[in-house]
Protein backbone atom coordinates (compact mmCIF):
# COMPACT_ATOMS: atom_id res chain seq x y z
CA MET A 1 0.13 -0.03 -0.18
CA ARG A 2 2.87 2.21 0.89
CA TRP A 3 4.65 1.82 -2.48
CA CYS A 4 1.36 2.21 -4.29
CA TYR A 5 0.75 5.73 -2.41
CA TRP A 6 3.90 6.98 -3.45
CA SER A 7 3.84 6.06 -7.11
CA LEU A 8 0.50 7.78 -7.15
CA VAL A 9 2.06 10.79 -5.89
CA GLY A 10 5.17 10.59 -8.17
CA LEU A 11 2.55 10.37 -11.31
CA ALA A 12 0.80 13.32 -10.26
CA VAL A 13 3.90 15.39 -9.63
CA LEU A 14 5.20 14.25 -13.52
CA GLY A 15 1.66 15.12 -14.82
CA MET A 16 1.82 18.79 -13.10
CA MET A 17 5.63 19.24 -14.45
CA SER A 18 4.38 18.19 -17.95
CA SER A 19 1.17 20.53 -18.13
CA CYS A 20 3.47 23.39 -17.02
CA SER A 21 5.94 22.94 -19.74
CA GLU A 22 3.48 22.67 -22.44
CA PRO A 23 3.94 25.50 -24.71
CA GLN A 24 1.29 28.30 -25.26
CA ASP A 25 -0.79 28.26 -28.08
CA ASP A 26 0.18 31.11 -30.38
CA ASP A 27 -3.40 31.40 -31.92
CA ASP A 28 -4.29 32.40 -28.62
CA GLU A 29 -5.92 36.19 -28.96
CA GLU A 30 -4.14 39.03 -27.23
CA VAL A 31 -6.16 41.82 -25.02
CA GLY A 32 -6.80 44.69 -27.59
CA THR A 33 -6.76 48.49 -25.83
CA TYR A 34 -9.86 50.63 -25.65
CA THR A 35 -10.19 53.66 -27.95
CA PRO A 36 -12.48 56.16 -26.51
CA GLY A 37 -15.02 57.58 -28.78
CA PHE A 38 -16.85 60.93 -29.19
CA LEU A 39 -16.81 63.12 -26.04
CA GLU A 40 -15.35 60.47 -23.95
CA GLY A 41 -12.28 61.48 -21.55
CA CYS A 42 -8.71 61.00 -23.36
CA PHE A 43 -5.21 62.23 -22.40
CA PRO A 44 -3.29 64.07 -24.84
CA ASP A 45 -1.12 61.06 -25.79
CA THR A 46 -4.49 58.92 -26.00
CA PRO A 47 -5.44 57.96 -29.77
CA CYS A 48 -9.08 58.72 -30.30
CA ALA A 49 -11.77 56.86 -32.42
CA GLU A 50 -11.04 57.83 -36.26
CA GLY A 51 -12.00 61.82 -36.93
CA LEU A 52 -11.41 62.65 -33.45
CA GLN A 53 -8.86 64.35 -31.65
CA CYS A 54 -8.10 64.89 -27.75
CA ILE A 55 -9.07 68.52 -26.76
CA ARG A 56 -9.96 69.77 -23.29
CA SER A 57 -9.63 66.25 -22.23
CA LYS A 58 -12.07 64.95 -24.42
CA CYS A 59 -12.22 62.98 -27.89
CA THR A 60 -13.89 65.88 -30.01
CA MET A 61 -13.83 67.50 -33.20
CA PRO A 62 -14.35 71.07 -34.93
CA CYS A 63 -17.80 72.69 -35.39
CA THR A 64 -19.58 75.87 -36.59
CA THR A 65 -22.87 75.22 -35.04
CA HIS A 66 -24.48 72.75 -32.46
CA ALA A 67 -26.02 70.80 -35.03
CA ASP A 68 -22.40 69.42 -36.01
CA CYS A 69 -22.17 68.14 -32.43
CA GLY A 70 -25.08 65.80 -31.87
CA GLN A 71 -26.20 65.59 -28.31
CA GLY A 72 -23.05 68.06 -27.54
CA VAL A 73 -22.75 71.94 -28.17
CA CYS A 74 -20.46 73.74 -30.05
CA SER A 75 -18.29 75.92 -27.73
CA PRO A 76 -15.60 78.35 -28.51
CA ASP A 77 -12.08 78.16 -27.52
CA ALA A 78 -9.79 81.08 -26.53
CA ASP A 79 -8.09 81.33 -29.75
CA GLY A 80 -11.64 81.57 -31.69
CA THR A 81 -11.65 78.08 -32.75
CA GLN A 82 -14.92 75.99 -31.80
CA VAL A 83 -14.88 72.16 -30.94
CA CYS A 84 -17.51 70.11 -29.90
CA ASP A 85 -18.05 69.60 -25.98
CA ALA A 86 -20.52 68.16 -23.42
CA PRO A 87 -23.15 70.60 -22.59
CA CYS A 88 -23.13 72.05 -18.95
CA THR A 89 -25.66 72.78 -16.60
CA SER A 90 -23.49 74.96 -13.96
CA ASN A 91 -20.53 76.80 -13.63
CA ARG A 92 -18.86 74.05 -11.39
CA ASP A 93 -18.97 71.77 -14.68
CA VAL A 94 -16.43 73.78 -16.17
CA ILE A 95 -12.47 74.35 -15.85
CA ALA A 96 -10.66 77.34 -14.25
CA ASP A 97 -11.07 80.76 -16.14
CA TRP A 98 -14.25 79.28 -18.10
CA ILE A 99 -18.20 79.75 -17.64
CA CYS A 100 -21.31 77.96 -18.25
CA LEU A 101 -23.30 80.50 -20.38
CA ASP A 102 -26.60 79.27 -21.67
CA GLY A 103 -25.40 75.26 -21.47
CA VAL A 104 -22.02 76.22 -23.11
CA PRO A 105 -18.72 75.99 -21.71
CA MET A 106 -17.12 79.46 -22.54
CA PRO A 107 -13.80 80.92 -21.85
CA CYS A 108 -13.54 84.32 -20.34
CA ALA A 109 -10.47 85.23 -22.45
CA ILE A 110 -13.48 85.79 -25.32
CA GLU A 111 -15.40 88.42 -23.21
CA PRO A 112 -18.52 86.70 -23.27
CA CYS A 113 -20.58 88.61 -21.00
CA PRO A 114 -22.97 91.52 -21.36
CA GLU A 115 -21.62 94.96 -21.16
CA ASN A 116 -21.29 95.94 -17.14
CA THR A 117 -20.50 92.78 -15.93
CA ALA A 118 -17.24 90.65 -15.47
CA CYS A 119 -16.73 87.06 -16.14
CA ILE A 120 -15.21 85.50 -13.57
CA GLY A 121 -14.26 81.82 -14.00
CA ARG A 122 -16.38 79.09 -12.62
CA ARG A 123 -18.85 81.95 -11.32
CA GLY A 124 -20.31 83.37 -14.36
CA CYS A 125 -21.26 86.78 -15.47
CA THR A 126 -20.97 89.02 -12.33
CA LEU A 127 -22.02 92.26 -11.31
CA LEU A 128 -19.91 95.38 -10.99
CA GLU A 129 -19.42 98.09 -8.19
CA GLY A 130 -22.41 99.98 -7.74
CA ALA A 131 -24.79 97.30 -9.45
CA PRO A 132 -28.07 95.98 -7.51
CA CYS A 133 -27.53 92.93 -5.97
CA THR A 134 -28.89 90.08 -3.50
CA ASP A 135 -26.25 87.95 -2.74
CA ASP A 136 -22.24 88.15 -2.29
CA GLU A 137 -22.05 85.63 -5.13
CA ASP A 138 -23.97 88.25 -7.54
CA CYS A 139 -20.97 90.77 -7.19
CA ALA A 140 -17.48 90.50 -8.95
CA THR A 141 -16.13 91.71 -5.77
CA LEU A 142 -18.14 88.84 -3.56
CA HIS A 143 -19.34 91.85 -1.54
CA CYS A 144 -22.96 92.65 -1.69
CA SER A 145 -23.60 95.17 0.98
CA THR A 146 -26.40 95.09 3.52
CA ALA A 147 -26.75 98.55 3.79
CA ASP A 148 -27.57 99.70 0.25
CA ALA A 149 -27.94 96.28 -1.78
CA THR A 150 -25.12 96.99 -4.05
CA CYS A 151 -21.87 95.59 -5.03
CA SER A 152 -19.23 97.24 -3.10
CA VAL A 153 -15.41 97.22 -3.17
CA ALA A 154 -13.84 93.96 -2.07
CA ALA A 155 -13.67 93.44 1.65
CA GLY A 156 -10.35 94.61 2.75
CA GLU A 157 -9.34 96.72 -0.11
CA PRO A 158 -9.08 100.46 0.07
CA CYS A 159 -12.12 102.52 -0.08
CA THR A 160 -14.42 105.71 -0.22
CA HIS A 161 -17.80 106.44 1.00
CA GLU A 162 -18.92 105.99 -2.59
CA ASN A 163 -17.80 102.47 -3.07
CA CYS A 164 -18.07 101.02 0.50
CA ASN A 165 -20.78 101.79 3.36
CA GLN A 166 -18.06 100.68 6.14
CA CYS A 167 -14.88 102.74 4.83
CA MET A 168 -12.36 102.53 7.72
CA THR A 169 -8.92 103.70 8.50
CA ILE A 170 -6.37 103.49 11.41
CA GLU A 171 -6.48 106.69 13.48
CA GLY A 172 -3.83 109.12 12.70
CA VAL A 173 -2.75 107.28 9.58
CA VAL A 174 -3.33 109.57 6.55
CA GLY A 175 -4.35 108.20 3.24
CA TRP A 176 -4.75 104.61 4.26
CA THR A 177 -8.37 102.64 4.37
CA PHE A 178 -9.88 99.46 4.58
CA CYS A 179 -13.20 98.22 3.56
CA SER A 180 -14.93 96.62 6.25
CA ARG A 181 -18.18 94.45 6.63
CA ASP A 182 -20.12 92.45 8.97
CA CYS A 183 -19.10 88.83 8.75
CA THR A 184 -19.37 85.47 10.38
CA ALA A 185 -16.22 83.98 8.76
CA THR A 186 -12.73 85.28 8.11
CA SER A 187 -13.18 84.12 4.51
CA THR A 188 -15.60 86.79 3.70
CA CYS A 189 -12.86 89.24 4.83
CA GLY A 190 -10.29 89.39 2.09
CA GLU A 191 -6.55 89.87 3.69
CA GLY A 192 -8.34 90.60 7.01
CA GLU A 193 -9.61 89.12 9.81
CA CYS A 194 -13.30 88.56 11.00
CA ILE A 195 -13.22 89.68 14.65
CA GLY A 196 -16.42 89.45 16.82
CA ASP A 197 -17.95 87.32 19.44
CA TYR A 198 -21.13 85.06 20.19
CA ASP A 199 -24.38 86.90 20.74
CA THR A 200 -27.24 84.28 21.62
CA GLY A 201 -24.99 81.51 20.38
CA GLN A 202 -24.42 83.08 16.87
CA PHE A 203 -20.96 84.56 16.29
CA ARG A 204 -21.28 88.08 14.94
CA GLY A 205 -18.27 90.09 13.80
CA ALA A 206 -16.71 92.72 11.62
CA CYS A 207 -13.77 92.68 8.98
CA VAL A 208 -10.64 94.01 10.33
CA PRO A 209 -6.95 94.06 8.91
CA GLY A 210 -4.41 91.77 10.55
CA CYS A 211 -1.50 93.06 12.16
CA ILE A 212 -0.01 95.14 9.74
CA ASP A 213 2.75 97.59 9.76
CA GLU A 214 0.49 100.66 9.71
CA CYS A 215 -1.61 99.57 12.96
CA PRO A 216 0.24 101.27 16.12
CA ASP A 217 -0.65 98.38 18.88
CA CYS A 218 -2.06 95.06 17.63
CA SER A 219 -4.27 93.19 19.57
CA THR A 220 -5.01 89.09 20.13
CA THR A 221 -8.13 87.65 20.25
CA ARG A 222 -8.85 85.60 23.48
CA ILE A 223 -8.60 81.94 23.42
CA THR A 224 -11.94 80.05 23.72
CA ASP A 225 -13.48 76.57 22.97
CA LEU A 226 -14.76 77.84 19.70
CA ASN A 227 -11.91 80.03 19.13
CA PRO A 228 -8.65 77.84 20.31
CA THR A 229 -5.92 79.67 17.82
CA PRO A 230 -5.27 83.29 18.91
CA VAL A 231 -5.43 85.85 16.08
CA GLU A 232 -3.40 89.03 16.04
CA TYR A 233 -5.41 92.00 14.33
CA CYS A 234 -5.58 95.99 14.41
CA GLY A 235 -8.15 97.24 16.19
CA HIS A 236 -7.77 100.83 16.09
CA LEU A 237 -10.17 101.53 12.97
CA VAL A 238 -12.16 104.37 12.68
CA PRO A 239 -14.70 105.54 10.13
CA PHE A 240 -12.73 107.10 6.90
CA THR A 241 -13.44 111.21 7.18
CA CYS A 242 -10.87 113.95 5.67
CA ASP A 243 -10.63 117.46 5.03
CA PRO A 244 -11.74 117.45 1.11
CA GLU A 245 -9.72 120.70 0.81
CA ALA A 246 -6.57 119.59 1.80
CA ASP A 247 -5.97 116.16 2.04
CA PRO A 248 -6.09 114.12 -1.19
CA TYR A 249 -7.07 110.30 -1.42
CA LEU A 250 -4.34 108.09 -1.90
CA ILE A 251 -4.36 104.44 -3.17
CA ASP A 252 -0.83 102.74 -2.70
CA GLY A 253 0.67 106.34 -2.14
CA VAL A 254 -0.72 107.96 -5.41
CA ALA A 255 -2.94 110.75 -5.11
CA GLN A 256 -6.54 109.82 -6.63
CA GLY A 257 -8.11 113.50 -6.19
CA LEU A 258 -9.46 115.32 -3.14
CA CYS A 259 -11.22 112.81 -0.81
CA ASP A 260 -14.88 112.38 -0.20
CA THR A 261 -16.83 113.63 3.01
CA PRO A 262 -18.36 111.26 5.32
């Protein structure tokens, strides 16, 4: 029995060796590579289907009208050429420096927006300073004033009373201004800080400059559970006023004319 067992094992091993050493059939089919088709994703070195080329990370072709593109749209490029692209539904569907206009991807480089608006990539055709607004996103500056519902200069930028309802300056510093605003987060303050406190469980604050060179004495926020990291800021802001008969309004040290009255 023992001899019979080892004989069977030997035969099994020989069988395995024999099967492993058999040559592969030359007629076996090779696995092919996929070629992306119309408006499918691609890389610059990826071959597209016949008649297509890889543009904007899609396999596409030139066009003159939407009818040339089937289910796609005819979209202009920054250099004026037009190619078929996938239709968009929002500004989030397009790449940087482009917008979605009436379902068509458009580069801001060709100035596709109406007069008196600004093309902001992935935001759309936005309103200029002084235009009526209802939300920060309406404005190119991301600052819709709650005082008069118009687009103001961006928070943290130099200002006058004409373009910012909370135009502030540092007491004793001539020619320096800062557009402030009510805030709940520093992200709405440009280069400044959102400094405030909690009122009935809700944070209420105002945009102020950080600890800049013009500030005579910087302050530091107190540490709380909700604000564990202290922030330095300039707390010496006063409403911007000046003598219109003597003091020129300055931006980066360049006179802009006589400053406005309060």
